[in-house]
Amino acid sequence: SLTTIAWIFFRADSIKEAFAYIQGIVHRSIFDLPSIS
């Protein structure tokens, strides 16, 4: 889990986007069906 969080910064285009991505994970929609095409 710790490694995966760090990989988000490795993959993101900016630190701001990485933090926004992590913030997006911590949301009640975690229990919803994934919005993947």
PDB file of all heavy atoms in Angstrom:
ATOM      1  N   SER A   1       0.832  -1.211   0.000  1.00  0.00           N
ATOM      2  CA  SER A   1       0.000   0.000   0.000  1.00  0.00           C
ATOM      3  C   SER A   1       0.863   1.256   0.000  1.00  0.00           C
ATOM      4  O   SER A   1       0.610   2.196  -0.778  1.00  0.00           O
ATOM      5  CB  SER A   1      -0.927   0.000   1.220  1.00  0.00           C
ATOM      6  OG  SER A   1      -1.798  -1.117   1.204  1.00  0.00           O
ATOM      7  N   LEU A   2       1.886   1.280   0.846  1.00  0.00           N
ATOM      8  CA  LEU A   2       2.786   2.438   0.890  1.00  0.00           C
ATOM      9  C   LEU A   2       3.505   2.619  -0.438  1.00  0.00           C
ATOM     10  O   LEU A   2       3.651   3.746  -0.940  1.00  0.00           O
ATOM     11  CB  LEU A   2       3.803   2.258   2.019  1.00  0.00           C
ATOM     12  CG  LEU A   2       3.268   2.337   3.455  1.00  0.00           C
ATOM     13  CD1 LEU A   2       4.354   1.963   4.460  1.00  0.00           C
ATOM     14  CD2 LEU A   2       2.736   3.737   3.769  1.00  0.00           C
ATOM     15  N   THR A   3       3.947   1.517  -1.012  1.00  0.00           N
ATOM     16  CA  THR A   3       4.648   1.576  -2.294  1.00  0.00           C
ATOM     17  C   THR A   3       3.730   2.076  -3.404  1.00  0.00           C
ATOM     18  O   THR A   3       4.130   2.888  -4.249  1.00  0.00           O
ATOM     19  CB  THR A   3       5.191   0.180  -2.665  1.00  0.00           C
ATOM     20  OG1 THR A   3       5.993  -0.322  -1.595  1.00  0.00           O
ATOM     21  CG2 THR A   3       6.021   0.244  -3.922  1.00  0.00           C
ATOM     22  N   THR A   4       2.490   1.610  -3.390  1.00  0.00           N
ATOM     23  CA  THR A   4       1.521   2.013  -4.416  1.00  0.00           C
ATOM     24  C   THR A   4       1.221   3.508  -4.322  1.00  0.00           C
ATOM     25  O   THR A   4       1.090   4.194  -5.353  1.00  0.00           O
ATOM     26  CB  THR A   4       0.223   1.196  -4.281  1.00  0.00           C
ATOM     27  OG1 THR A   4       0.526  -0.196  -4.426  1.00  0.00           O
ATOM     28  CG2 THR A   4      -0.791   1.597  -5.339  1.00  0.00           C
ATOM     29  N   ILE A   5       1.119   4.028  -3.106  1.00  0.00           N
ATOM     30  CA  ILE A   5       0.914   5.474  -2.926  1.00  0.00           C
ATOM     31  C   ILE A   5       2.085   6.250  -3.526  1.00  0.00           C
ATOM     32  O   ILE A   5       1.904   7.259  -4.231  1.00  0.00           O
ATOM     33  CB  ILE A   5       0.741   5.820  -1.431  1.00  0.00           C
ATOM     34  CG1 ILE A   5      -0.590   5.256  -0.909  1.00  0.00           C
ATOM     35  CG2 ILE A   5       0.808   7.327  -1.204  1.00  0.00           C
ATOM     36  CD1 ILE A   5      -0.746   5.333   0.589  1.00  0.00           C
ATOM     37  N   ALA A   6       3.300   5.759  -3.268  1.00  0.00           N
ATOM     38  CA  ALA A   6       4.481   6.427  -3.822  1.00  0.00           C
ATOM     39  C   ALA A   6       4.488   6.358  -5.349  1.00  0.00           C
ATOM     40  O   ALA A   6       4.871   7.321  -6.016  1.00  0.00           O
ATOM     41  CB  ALA A   6       5.754   5.794  -3.253  1.00  0.00           C
ATOM     42  N   TRP A   7       4.038   5.215  -5.916  1.00  0.00           N
ATOM     43  CA  TRP A   7       4.006   5.085  -7.376  1.00  0.00           C
ATOM     44  C   TRP A   7       3.082   6.100  -8.029  1.00  0.00           C
ATOM     45  O   TRP A   7       3.275   6.474  -9.186  1.00  0.00           O
ATOM     46  CB  TRP A   7       3.569   3.681  -7.780  1.00  0.00           C
ATOM     47  CG  TRP A   7       4.584   2.581  -7.628  1.00  0.00           C
ATOM     48  CD1 TRP A   7       4.378   1.347  -7.089  1.00  0.00           C
ATOM     49  CD2 TRP A   7       5.964   2.592  -8.043  1.00  0.00           C
ATOM     50  NE1 TRP A   7       5.532   0.598  -7.126  1.00  0.00           N
ATOM     51  CE2 TRP A   7       6.507   1.342  -7.712  1.00  0.00           C
ATOM     52  CE3 TRP A   7       6.772   3.544  -8.657  1.00  0.00           C
ATOM     53  CZ2 TRP A   7       7.840   1.011  -7.973  1.00  0.00           C
ATOM     54  CZ3 TRP A   7       8.103   3.222  -8.914  1.00  0.00           C
ATOM     55  CH2 TRP A   7       8.622   1.974  -8.573  1.00  0.00           C
ATOM     56  N   ILE A   8       2.062   6.555  -7.308  1.00  0.00           N
ATOM     57  CA  ILE A   8       1.152   7.558  -7.864  1.00  0.00           C
ATOM     58  C   ILE A   8       1.924   8.824  -8.222  1.00  0.00           C
ATOM     59  O   ILE A   8       1.709   9.429  -9.285  1.00  0.00           O
ATOM     60  CB  ILE A   8       0.011   7.872  -6.870  1.00  0.00           C
ATOM     61  CG1 ILE A   8      -0.908   6.650  -6.724  1.00  0.00           C
ATOM     62  CG2 ILE A   8      -0.795   9.089  -7.325  1.00  0.00           C
ATOM     63  CD1 ILE A   8      -1.945   6.782  -5.624  1.00  0.00           C
ATOM     64  N   PHE A   9       2.852   9.233  -7.354  1.00  0.00           N
ATOM     65  CA  PHE A   9       3.680  10.414  -7.643  1.00  0.00           C
ATOM     66  C   PHE A   9       4.613  10.139  -8.819  1.00  0.00           C
ATOM     67  O   PHE A   9       4.920  11.035  -9.604  1.00  0.00           O
ATOM     68  CB  PHE A   9       4.487  10.796  -6.400  1.00  0.00           C
ATOM     69  CG  PHE A   9       3.643  11.372  -5.297  1.00  0.00           C
ATOM     70  CD1 PHE A   9       3.110  10.548  -4.319  1.00  0.00           C
ATOM     71  CD2 PHE A   9       3.356  12.725  -5.250  1.00  0.00           C
ATOM     72  CE1 PHE A   9       2.319  11.072  -3.306  1.00  0.00           C
ATOM     73  CE2 PHE A   9       2.557  13.256  -4.251  1.00  0.00           C
ATOM     74  CZ  PHE A   9       2.032  12.423  -3.273  1.00  0.00           C
ATOM     75  N   PHE A  10       5.074   8.891  -8.929  1.00  0.00           N
ATOM     76  CA  PHE A  10       5.960   8.504 -10.022  1.00  0.00           C
ATOM     77  C   PHE A  10       5.234   8.607 -11.363  1.00  0.00           C
ATOM     78  O   PHE A  10       5.824   8.999 -12.375  1.00  0.00           O
ATOM     79  CB  PHE A  10       6.427   7.054  -9.793  1.00  0.00           C
ATOM     80  CG  PHE A  10       7.621   6.641 -10.598  1.00  0.00           C
ATOM     81  CD1 PHE A  10       8.905   6.770 -10.091  1.00  0.00           C
ATOM     82  CD2 PHE A  10       7.465   6.100 -11.868  1.00  0.00           C
ATOM     83  CE1 PHE A  10      10.012   6.365 -10.833  1.00  0.00           C
ATOM     84  CE2 PHE A  10       8.557   5.698 -12.613  1.00  0.00           C
ATOM     85  CZ  PHE A  10       9.838   5.828 -12.088  1.00  0.00           C
ATOM     86  N   ARG A  11       3.938   8.281 -11.372  1.00  0.00           N
ATOM     87  CA  ARG A  11       3.163   8.240 -12.620  1.00  0.00           C
ATOM     88  C   ARG A  11       2.521   9.578 -12.976  1.00  0.00           C
ATOM     89  O   ARG A  11       2.360   9.918 -14.156  1.00  0.00           O
ATOM     90  CB  ARG A  11       2.063   7.165 -12.492  1.00  0.00           C
ATOM     91  CG  ARG A  11       1.102   7.063 -13.688  1.00  0.00           C
ATOM     92  CD  ARG A  11       1.843   6.733 -14.961  1.00  0.00           C
ATOM     93  NE  ARG A  11       0.927   6.548 -16.092  1.00  0.00           N
ATOM     94  CZ  ARG A  11       0.361   7.529 -16.781  1.00  0.00           C
ATOM     95  NH1 ARG A  11       0.595   8.790 -16.447  1.00  0.00           N
ATOM     96  NH2 ARG A  11      -0.427   7.262 -17.803  1.00  0.00           N
ATOM     97  N   ALA A  12       2.173  10.364 -11.966  1.00  0.00           N
ATOM     98  CA  ALA A  12       1.457  11.619 -12.207  1.00  0.00           C
ATOM     99  C   ALA A  12       2.333  12.637 -12.930  1.00  0.00           C
ATOM    100  O   ALA A  12       3.570  12.590 -12.863  1.00  0.00           O
ATOM    101  CB  ALA A  12       0.956  12.191 -10.887  1.00  0.00           C
ATOM    102  N   ASP A  13       1.686  13.583 -13.621  1.00  0.00           N
ATOM    103  CA  ASP A  13       2.424  14.624 -14.352  1.00  0.00           C
ATOM    104  C   ASP A  13       2.926  15.727 -13.432  1.00  0.00           C
ATOM    105  O   ASP A  13       3.863  16.448 -13.777  1.00  0.00           O
ATOM    106  CB  ASP A  13       1.533  15.224 -15.436  1.00  0.00           C
ATOM    107  CG  ASP A  13       1.246  14.227 -16.550  1.00  0.00           C
ATOM    108  OD1 ASP A  13       2.100  13.365 -16.811  1.00  0.00           O
ATOM    109  OD2 ASP A  13       0.143  14.302 -17.144  1.00  0.00           O
ATOM    110  N   SER A  14       2.288  15.892 -12.270  1.00  0.00           N
ATOM    111  CA  SER A  14       2.716  16.921 -11.325  1.00  0.00           C
ATOM    112  C   SER A  14       2.364  16.474  -9.916  1.00  0.00           C
ATOM    113  O   SER A  14       1.519  15.584  -9.718  1.00  0.00           O
ATOM    114  CB  SER A  14       2.032  18.261 -11.625  1.00  0.00           C
ATOM    115  OG  SER A  14       0.636  18.166 -11.362  1.00  0.00           O
ATOM    116  N   ILE A  15       2.993  17.095  -8.934  1.00  0.00           N
ATOM    117  CA  ILE A  15       2.712  16.768  -7.533  1.00  0.00           C
ATOM    118  C   ILE A  15       1.271  17.123  -7.189  1.00  0.00           C
ATOM    119  O   ILE A  15       0.597  16.394  -6.457  1.00  0.00           O
ATOM    120  CB  ILE A  15       3.703  17.506  -6.603  1.00  0.00           C
ATOM    121  CG1 ILE A  15       5.124  16.954  -6.809  1.00  0.00           C
ATOM    122  CG2 ILE A  15       3.294  17.349  -5.139  1.00  0.00           C
ATOM    123  CD1 ILE A  15       6.177  17.647  -5.989  1.00  0.00           C
ATOM    124  N   LYS A  16       0.795  18.240  -7.752  1.00  0.00           N
ATOM    125  CA  LYS A  16      -0.592  18.653  -7.508  1.00  0.00           C
ATOM    126  C   LYS A  16      -1.566  17.590  -7.993  1.00  0.00           C
ATOM    127  O   LYS A  16      -2.533  17.238  -7.297  1.00  0.00           O
ATOM    128  CB  LYS A  16      -0.862  19.991  -8.208  1.00  0.00           C
ATOM    129  CG  LYS A  16      -2.264  20.540  -7.977  1.00  0.00           C
ATOM    130  CD  LYS A  16      -2.450  21.868  -8.715  1.00  0.00           C
ATOM    131  CE  LYS A  16      -3.867  22.392  -8.515  1.00  0.00           C
ATOM    132  NZ  LYS A  16      -4.070  23.675  -9.248  1.00  0.00           N
ATOM    133  N   GLU A  17      -1.314  17.059  -9.182  1.00  0.00           N
ATOM    134  CA  GLU A  17      -2.184  16.012  -9.722  1.00  0.00           C
ATOM    135  C   GLU A  17      -2.120  14.744  -8.881  1.00  0.00           C
ATOM    136  O   GLU A  17      -3.132  14.061  -8.691  1.00  0.00           O
ATOM    137  CB  GLU A  17      -1.783  15.699 -11.166  1.00  0.00           C
ATOM    138  CG  GLU A  17      -2.192  16.763 -12.169  1.00  0.00           C
ATOM    139  CD  GLU A  17      -1.896  16.348 -13.604  1.00  0.00           C
ATOM    140  OE1 GLU A  17      -1.633  15.144 -13.824  1.00  0.00           O
ATOM    141  OE2 GLU A  17      -1.924  17.225 -14.484  1.00  0.00           O
ATOM    142  N   ALA A  18      -0.934  14.425  -8.365  1.00  0.00           N
ATOM    143  CA  ALA A  18      -0.776  13.228  -7.534  1.00  0.00           C
ATOM    144  C   ALA A  18      -1.592  13.339  -6.253  1.00  0.00           C
ATOM    145  O   ALA A  18      -2.288  12.394  -5.857  1.00  0.00           O
ATOM    146  CB  ALA A  18       0.698  13.008  -7.213  1.00  0.00           C
ATOM    147  N   PHE A  19      -1.510  14.495  -5.602  1.00  0.00           N
ATOM    148  CA  PHE A  19      -2.289  14.696  -4.370  1.00  0.00           C
ATOM    149  C   PHE A  19      -3.793  14.681  -4.668  1.00  0.00           C
ATOM    150  O   PHE A  19      -4.581  14.147  -3.881  1.00  0.00           O
ATOM    151  CB  PHE A  19      -1.893  16.013  -3.696  1.00  0.00           C
ATOM    152  CG  PHE A  19      -0.681  15.883  -2.814  1.00  0.00           C
ATOM    153  CD1 PHE A  19       0.503  16.532  -3.130  1.00  0.00           C
ATOM    154  CD2 PHE A  19      -0.724  15.121  -1.651  1.00  0.00           C
ATOM    155  CE1 PHE A  19       1.621  16.416  -2.317  1.00  0.00           C
ATOM    156  CE2 PHE A  19       0.386  15.001  -0.823  1.00  0.00           C
ATOM    157  CZ  PHE A  19       1.566  15.649  -1.162  1.00  0.00           C
ATOM    158  N   ALA A  20      -4.170  15.257  -5.803  1.00  0.00           N
ATOM    159  CA  ALA A  20      -5.588  15.242  -6.189  1.00  0.00           C
ATOM    160  C   ALA A  20      -6.054  13.807  -6.450  1.00  0.00           C
ATOM    161  O   ALA A  20      -7.183  13.433  -6.098  1.00  0.00           O
ATOM    162  CB  ALA A  20      -5.798  16.102  -7.431  1.00  0.00           C
ATOM    163  N   TYR A  21      -5.170  12.999  -7.035  1.00  0.00           N
ATOM    164  CA  TYR A  21      -5.489  11.592  -7.313  1.00  0.00           C
ATOM    165  C   TYR A  21      -5.712  10.834  -6.001  1.00  0.00           C
ATOM    166  O   TYR A  21      -6.705  10.109  -5.846  1.00  0.00           O
ATOM    167  CB  TYR A  21      -4.339  10.957  -8.091  1.00  0.00           C
ATOM    168  CG  TYR A  21      -4.656   9.599  -8.687  1.00  0.00           C
ATOM    169  CD1 TYR A  21      -4.930   9.462 -10.038  1.00  0.00           C
ATOM    170  CD2 TYR A  21      -4.667   8.449  -7.902  1.00  0.00           C
ATOM    171  CE1 TYR A  21      -5.219   8.225 -10.596  1.00  0.00           C
ATOM    172  CE2 TYR A  21      -4.951   7.207  -8.441  1.00  0.00           C
ATOM    173  CZ  TYR A  21      -5.221   7.097  -9.790  1.00  0.00           C
ATOM    174  OH  TYR A  21      -5.514   5.865 -10.331  1.00  0.00           O
ATOM    175  N   ILE A  22      -4.802  11.032  -5.025  1.00  0.00           N
ATOM    176  CA  ILE A  22      -4.927  10.361  -3.723  1.00  0.00           C
ATOM    177  C   ILE A  22      -6.186  10.836  -3.002  1.00  0.00           C
ATOM    178  O   ILE A  22      -6.911  10.032  -2.401  1.00  0.00           O
ATOM    179  CB  ILE A  22      -3.663  10.627  -2.865  1.00  0.00           C
ATOM    180  CG1 ILE A  22      -2.445   9.964  -3.520  1.00  0.00           C
ATOM    181  CG2 ILE A  22      -3.848  10.096  -1.441  1.00  0.00           C
ATOM    182  CD1 ILE A  22      -1.123  10.348  -2.900  1.00  0.00           C
ATOM    183  N   GLN A  23      -6.442  12.139  -3.079  1.00  0.00           N
ATOM    184  CA  GLN A  23      -7.654  12.685  -2.461  1.00  0.00           C
ATOM    185  C   GLN A  23      -8.907  12.080  -3.096  1.00  0.00           C
ATOM    186  O   GLN A  23      -9.905  11.825  -2.419  1.00  0.00           O
ATOM    187  CB  GLN A  23      -7.674  14.203  -2.609  1.00  0.00           C
ATOM    188  CG  GLN A  23      -8.816  14.878  -1.853  1.00  0.00           C
ATOM    189  CD  GLN A  23      -8.763  16.404  -1.982  1.00  0.00           C
ATOM    190  OE1 GLN A  23      -7.898  16.953  -2.667  1.00  0.00           O
ATOM    191  NE2 GLN A  23      -9.688  17.080  -1.321  1.00  0.00           N
ATOM    192  N   GLY A  24      -8.835  11.805  -4.410  1.00  0.00           N
ATOM    193  CA  GLY A  24      -9.967  11.203  -5.104  1.00  0.00           C
ATOM    194  C   GLY A  24     -10.231   9.768  -4.672  1.00  0.00           C
ATOM    195  O   GLY A  24     -11.377   9.297  -4.699  1.00  0.00           O
ATOM    196  N   ILE A  25      -9.182   9.069  -4.261  1.00  0.00           N
ATOM    197  CA  ILE A  25      -9.357   7.694  -3.787  1.00  0.00           C
ATOM    198  C   ILE A  25     -10.104   7.675  -2.457  1.00  0.00           C
ATOM    199  O   ILE A  25     -10.955   6.815  -2.216  1.00  0.00           O
ATOM    200  CB  ILE A  25      -7.983   6.988  -3.646  1.00  0.00           C
ATOM    201  CG1 ILE A  25      -7.340   6.785  -5.023  1.00  0.00           C
ATOM    202  CG2 ILE A  25      -8.135   5.642  -2.939  1.00  0.00           C
ATOM    203  CD1 ILE A  25      -5.954   6.169  -4.978  1.00  0.00           C
ATOM    204  N   VAL A  26      -9.778   8.643  -1.594  1.00  0.00           N
ATOM    205  CA  VAL A  26     -10.388   8.696  -0.258  1.00  0.00           C
ATOM    206  C   VAL A  26     -11.763   9.371  -0.374  1.00  0.00           C
ATOM    207  O   VAL A  26     -11.952  10.540  -0.048  1.00  0.00           O
ATOM    208  CB  VAL A  26      -9.488   9.452   0.743  1.00  0.00           C
ATOM    209  CG1 VAL A  26     -10.059   9.345   2.152  1.00  0.00           C
ATOM    210  CG2 VAL A  26      -8.074   8.905   0.705  1.00  0.00           C
ATOM    211  N   HIS A  27     -12.723   8.611  -0.842  1.00  0.00           N
ATOM    212  CA  HIS A  27     -14.068   9.146  -1.088  1.00  0.00           C
ATOM    213  C   HIS A  27     -15.073   8.014  -0.941  1.00  0.00           C
ATOM    214  O   HIS A  27     -14.730   6.835  -1.114  1.00  0.00           O
ATOM    215  CB  HIS A  27     -14.129   9.761  -2.498  1.00  0.00           C
ATOM    216  CG  HIS A  27     -15.368  10.548  -2.784  1.00  0.00           C
ATOM    217  ND1 HIS A  27     -16.510   9.972  -3.297  1.00  0.00           N
ATOM    218  CD2 HIS A  27     -15.644  11.869  -2.622  1.00  0.00           C
ATOM    219  CE1 HIS A  27     -17.437  10.903  -3.448  1.00  0.00           C
ATOM    220  NE2 HIS A  27     -16.945  12.059  -3.050  1.00  0.00           N
ATOM    221  N   ARG A  28     -16.301   8.340  -0.625  1.00  0.00           N
ATOM    222  CA  ARG A  28     -17.317   7.301  -0.410  1.00  0.00           C
ATOM    223  C   ARG A  28     -17.632   6.517  -1.680  1.00  0.00           C
ATOM    224  O   ARG A  28     -18.193   5.410  -1.614  1.00  0.00           O
ATOM    225  CB  ARG A  28     -18.601   7.920   0.158  1.00  0.00           C
ATOM    226  CG  ARG A  28     -19.282   8.935  -0.725  1.00  0.00           C
ATOM    227  CD  ARG A  28     -20.585   9.416  -0.090  1.00  0.00           C
ATOM    228  NE  ARG A  28     -21.257  10.431  -0.896  1.00  0.00           N
ATOM    229  CZ  ARG A  28     -21.032  11.729  -0.789  1.00  0.00           C
ATOM    230  NH1 ARG A  28     -20.151  12.174   0.114  1.00  0.00           N
ATOM    231  NH2 ARG A  28     -21.670  12.592  -1.552  1.00  0.00           N
ATOM    232  N   SER A  29     -17.263   7.054  -2.846  1.00  0.00           N
ATOM    233  CA  SER A  29     -17.510   6.320  -4.090  1.00  0.00           C
ATOM    234  C   SER A  29     -16.578   5.113  -4.241  1.00  0.00           C
ATOM    235  O   SER A  29     -16.622   4.417  -5.258  1.00  0.00           O
ATOM    236  CB  SER A  29     -17.359   7.247  -5.304  1.00  0.00           C
ATOM    237  OG  SER A  29     -16.041   7.762  -5.402  1.00  0.00           O
ATOM    238  N   ILE A  30     -15.735   4.886  -3.242  1.00  0.00           N
ATOM    239  CA  ILE A  30     -14.867   3.717  -3.233  1.00  0.00           C
ATOM    240  C   ILE A  30     -15.693   2.432  -3.299  1.00  0.00           C
ATOM    241  O   ILE A  30     -15.236   1.385  -3.748  1.00  0.00           O
ATOM    242  CB  ILE A  30     -13.959   3.726  -1.973  1.00  0.00           C
ATOM    243  CG1 ILE A  30     -12.856   2.659  -2.078  1.00  0.00           C
ATOM    244  CG2 ILE A  30     -14.762   3.486  -0.706  1.00  0.00           C
ATOM    245  CD1 ILE A  30     -11.732   3.000  -2.957  1.00  0.00           C
ATOM    246  N   PHE A  31     -16.951   2.514  -2.834  1.00  0.00           N
ATOM    247  CA  PHE A  31     -17.822   1.332  -2.819  1.00  0.00           C
ATOM    248  C   PHE A  31     -18.704   1.234  -4.069  1.00  0.00           C
ATOM    249  O   PHE A  31     -19.477   0.293  -4.200  1.00  0.00           O
ATOM    250  CB  PHE A  31     -18.695   1.346  -1.563  1.00  0.00           C
ATOM    251  CG  PHE A  31     -17.910   1.352  -0.289  1.00  0.00           C
ATOM    252  CD1 PHE A  31     -17.819   2.504   0.486  1.00  0.00           C
ATOM    253  CD2 PHE A  31     -17.249   0.205   0.137  1.00  0.00           C
ATOM    254  CE1 PHE A  31     -17.082   2.515   1.668  1.00  0.00           C
ATOM    255  CE2 PHE A  31     -16.514   0.207   1.318  1.00  0.00           C
ATOM    256  CZ  PHE A  31     -16.428   1.364   2.083  1.00  0.00           C
ATOM    257  N   ASP A  32     -18.580   2.219  -4.970  1.00  0.00           N
ATOM    258  CA  ASP A  32     -19.366   2.193  -6.205  1.00  0.00           C
ATOM    259  C   ASP A  32     -18.667   1.347  -7.271  1.00  0.00           C
ATOM    260  O   ASP A  32     -17.471   1.049  -7.176  1.00  0.00           O
ATOM    261  CB  ASP A  32     -19.566   3.612  -6.734  1.00  0.00           C
ATOM    262  CG  ASP A  32     -20.404   4.465  -5.798  1.00  0.00           C
ATOM    263  OD1 ASP A  32     -21.077   3.876  -4.928  1.00  0.00           O
ATOM    264  OD2 ASP A  32     -20.359   5.705  -5.932  1.00  0.00           O
ATOM    265  N   LEU A  33     -19.410   0.996  -8.295  1.00  0.00           N
ATOM    266  CA  LEU A  33     -18.847   0.260  -9.422  1.00  0.00           C
ATOM    267  C   LEU A  33     -17.823   1.155 -10.125  1.00  0.00           C
ATOM    268  O   LEU A  33     -18.106   2.319 -10.405  1.00  0.00           O
ATOM    269  CB  LEU A  33     -19.956  -0.136 -10.393  1.00  0.00           C
ATOM    270  CG  LEU A  33     -19.674  -1.315 -11.332  1.00  0.00           C
ATOM    271  CD1 LEU A  33     -19.494  -2.599 -10.533  1.00  0.00           C
ATOM    272  CD2 LEU A  33     -20.821  -1.462 -12.334  1.00  0.00           C
ATOM    273  N   PRO A  34     -16.606   0.648 -10.409  1.00  0.00           N
ATOM    274  CA  PRO A  34     -15.561   1.479 -11.033  1.00  0.00           C
ATOM    275  C   PRO A  34     -16.012   2.059 -12.366  1.00  0.00           C
ATOM    276  O   PRO A  34     -16.604   1.357 -13.196  1.00  0.00           O
ATOM    277  CB  PRO A  34     -14.404   0.492 -11.228  1.00  0.00           C
ATOM    278  CG  PRO A  34     -14.639  -0.585 -10.221  1.00  0.00           C
ATOM    279  CD  PRO A  34     -16.126  -0.714 -10.111  1.00  0.00           C
ATOM    280  N   SER A  35     -15.732   3.340 -12.558  1.00  0.00           N
ATOM    281  CA  SER A  35     -16.131   4.034 -13.792  1.00  0.00           C
ATOM    282  C   SER A  35     -15.068   3.845 -14.873  1.00  0.00           C
ATOM    283  O   SER A  35     -14.442   4.799 -15.338  1.00  0.00           O
ATOM    284  CB  SER A  35     -16.337   5.527 -13.504  1.00  0.00           C
ATOM    285  OG  SER A  35     -15.146   6.079 -12.949  1.00  0.00           O
ATOM    286  N   ILE A  36     -14.885   2.595 -15.290  1.00  0.00           N
ATOM    287  CA  ILE A  36     -13.905   2.254 -16.322  1.00  0.00           C
ATOM    288  C   ILE A  36     -14.670   1.837 -17.576  1.00  0.00           C
ATOM    289  O   ILE A  36     -15.645   1.084 -17.503  1.00  0.00           O
ATOM    290  CB  ILE A  36     -12.983   1.111 -15.846  1.00  0.00           C
ATOM    291  CG1 ILE A  36     -12.230   1.545 -14.577  1.00  0.00           C
ATOM    292  CG2 ILE A  36     -11.990   0.728 -16.936  1.00  0.00           C
ATOM    293  CD1 ILE A  36     -11.409   0.440 -13.945  1.00  0.00           C
ATOM    294  N   SER A  37     -14.224   2.323 -18.729  1.00  0.00           N
ATOM    295  CA  SER A  37     -14.962   2.073 -19.968  1.00  0.00           C
ATOM    296  C   SER A  37     -15.114   0.585 -20.262  1.00  0.00           C
ATOM    297  O   SER A  37     -16.173   0.127 -20.673  1.00  0.00           O
ATOM    298  CB  SER A  37     -14.266   2.774 -21.140  1.00  0.00           C
ATOM    299  OG  SER A  37     -12.926   2.320 -21.264  1.00  0.00           O
TER     300      SER A  37
END
